[in-house]
């Protein structure tokens, strides 16, 4: 199973547990501005992901992986990302980034 973890700068950051193997990452830019960061990961077993609020409170929520949308294949997850980020002729881009950059949101 594969999952897509989303972080939004200034709003929240989603952090994978050791039970999610990060495979690929992308920045979603809308008219050049970073709107979100997506990480595609392989779900190794049922787990919880950490969601940290970026509102100054640093509130932490632990979300069970069963509530994440999951995909049987990487290709299905890629299609979903393209669907989420495709707005016709608007300047919306999904840009691959190194996994090492994921913690830098």
Protein backbone atom coordinates (compact mmCIF):
# COMPACT_ATOMS: atom_id res chain seq x y z
CA UNK A 1 0.00 0.00 0.00
CA UNK A 2 1.08 3.55 -0.73
CA UNK A 3 0.02 6.80 0.92
CA UNK A 4 0.51 10.48 0.14
CA UNK A 5 1.46 12.70 3.07
CA UNK A 6 0.77 16.42 2.69
CA UNK A 7 2.39 19.37 4.44
CA UNK A 8 1.34 22.99 3.93
CA UNK A 9 3.84 25.70 4.88
CA UNK A 10 2.49 27.98 7.58
CA UNK A 11 -0.38 25.60 8.34
CA UNK A 12 0.84 22.11 9.24
CA UNK A 13 3.56 19.55 8.67
CA UNK A 14 2.91 15.82 8.34
CA UNK A 15 5.70 13.58 9.58
CA UNK A 16 5.96 9.92 8.59
CA UNK A 17 6.60 7.34 11.28
CA UNK A 18 9.17 4.56 10.90
CA UNK A 19 6.33 2.42 9.49
CA UNK A 20 6.12 4.55 6.35
CA UNK A 21 9.02 4.34 3.92
CA UNK A 22 9.30 7.68 2.05
CA UNK A 23 9.89 7.02 -1.67
CA UNK A 24 9.37 10.31 -3.54
CA UNK A 25 8.62 13.93 -2.76
CA UNK A 26 7.25 16.92 -4.68
CA UNK A 27 6.60 20.59 -4.15
CA UNK A 28 3.31 21.89 -5.46
CA UNK A 29 3.75 25.44 -6.73
CA UNK A 30 0.89 27.66 -7.85
CA UNK A 31 2.11 30.66 -9.81
CA UNK A 32 5.56 30.07 -8.34
CA UNK A 33 4.43 30.05 -4.71
CA UNK A 34 4.89 26.89 -2.62
CA UNK A 35 1.41 25.70 -1.64
CA UNK A 36 2.12 22.17 -0.43
CA UNK A 37 4.71 19.45 -0.19
CA UNK A 38 3.72 15.87 -0.94
CA UNK A 39 5.58 12.73 0.10
CA UNK A 40 4.69 9.38 -1.42
CA UNK A 41 5.44 6.57 0.99
CA UNK A 42 5.06 2.83 1.23
CA UNK A 43 2.91 1.87 4.21
CA UNK A 44 4.75 -1.02 5.86
CA UNK A 45 2.09 -1.65 8.52
CA UNK A 46 -0.76 0.16 10.21
CA UNK A 47 0.64 3.14 12.08
CA UNK A 48 0.01 6.76 13.03
CA UNK A 49 1.37 9.87 11.36
CA UNK A 50 2.27 12.99 13.26
CA UNK A 51 0.62 16.24 12.16
CA UNK A 52 2.19 19.33 13.71
CA UNK A 53 0.32 22.63 13.50
CA UNK A 54 2.41 25.61 12.33
CA UNK A 55 0.18 28.21 14.00
CA UNK A 56 2.59 28.89 16.85
CA UNK A 57 0.90 26.43 19.16
CA UNK A 58 2.87 23.46 17.75
CA UNK A 59 -0.15 21.28 18.54
CA UNK A 60 0.56 17.65 17.63
CA UNK A 61 -2.11 15.27 16.38
CA UNK A 62 -1.49 11.56 15.79
CA UNK A 63 -3.61 10.37 12.86
CA UNK A 64 -4.12 6.62 12.34
CA UNK A 65 -3.01 5.49 8.88
CA UNK A 66 -6.42 3.90 8.30
CA UNK A 67 -7.74 7.45 7.78
CA UNK A 68 -5.24 8.19 5.00
CA UNK A 69 -6.24 7.55 1.41
CA UNK A 70 -4.21 4.57 0.24
CA UNK A 71 -3.28 3.26 -3.18
CA UNK A 72 -2.42 -0.23 -4.37
CA UNK A 73 0.36 0.99 -6.67
CA UNK A 74 2.71 3.95 -7.03
CA UNK A 75 1.12 4.65 -10.40
CA UNK A 76 -2.31 5.08 -8.77
CA UNK A 77 -0.79 7.53 -6.28
CA UNK A 78 0.91 9.44 -9.14
CA UNK A 79 -2.43 9.73 -10.96
CA UNK A 80 -4.06 11.10 -7.82
CA UNK A 81 -1.31 13.72 -7.42
CA UNK A 82 -1.72 14.80 -11.04
CA UNK A 83 -5.47 15.03 -10.51
CA UNK A 84 -4.99 17.16 -7.37
CA UNK A 85 -2.58 19.52 -9.08
CA UNK A 86 -4.00 19.91 -12.59
CA UNK A 87 -6.01 23.10 -13.17
CA UNK A 88 -6.16 23.45 -16.94
CA UNK A 89 -4.11 26.41 -18.12
CA UNK A 90 -3.32 27.81 -14.66
CA UNK A 91 0.34 27.96 -13.63
CA UNK A 92 0.30 24.95 -11.30
CA UNK A 93 3.37 22.71 -11.14
CA UNK A 94 4.33 19.55 -9.32
CA UNK A 95 8.13 19.65 -8.98
CA UNK A 96 10.12 16.58 -7.84
CA UNK A 97 12.44 17.30 -4.91
CA UNK A 98 15.05 15.22 -3.05
CA UNK A 99 13.73 13.36 -0.03
CA UNK A 100 16.41 15.13 2.05
CA UNK A 101 14.52 18.40 1.46
CA UNK A 102 11.31 17.08 3.03
CA UNK A 103 12.17 18.20 6.56
CA UNK A 104 12.83 21.73 5.31
CA UNK A 105 9.18 22.85 4.92
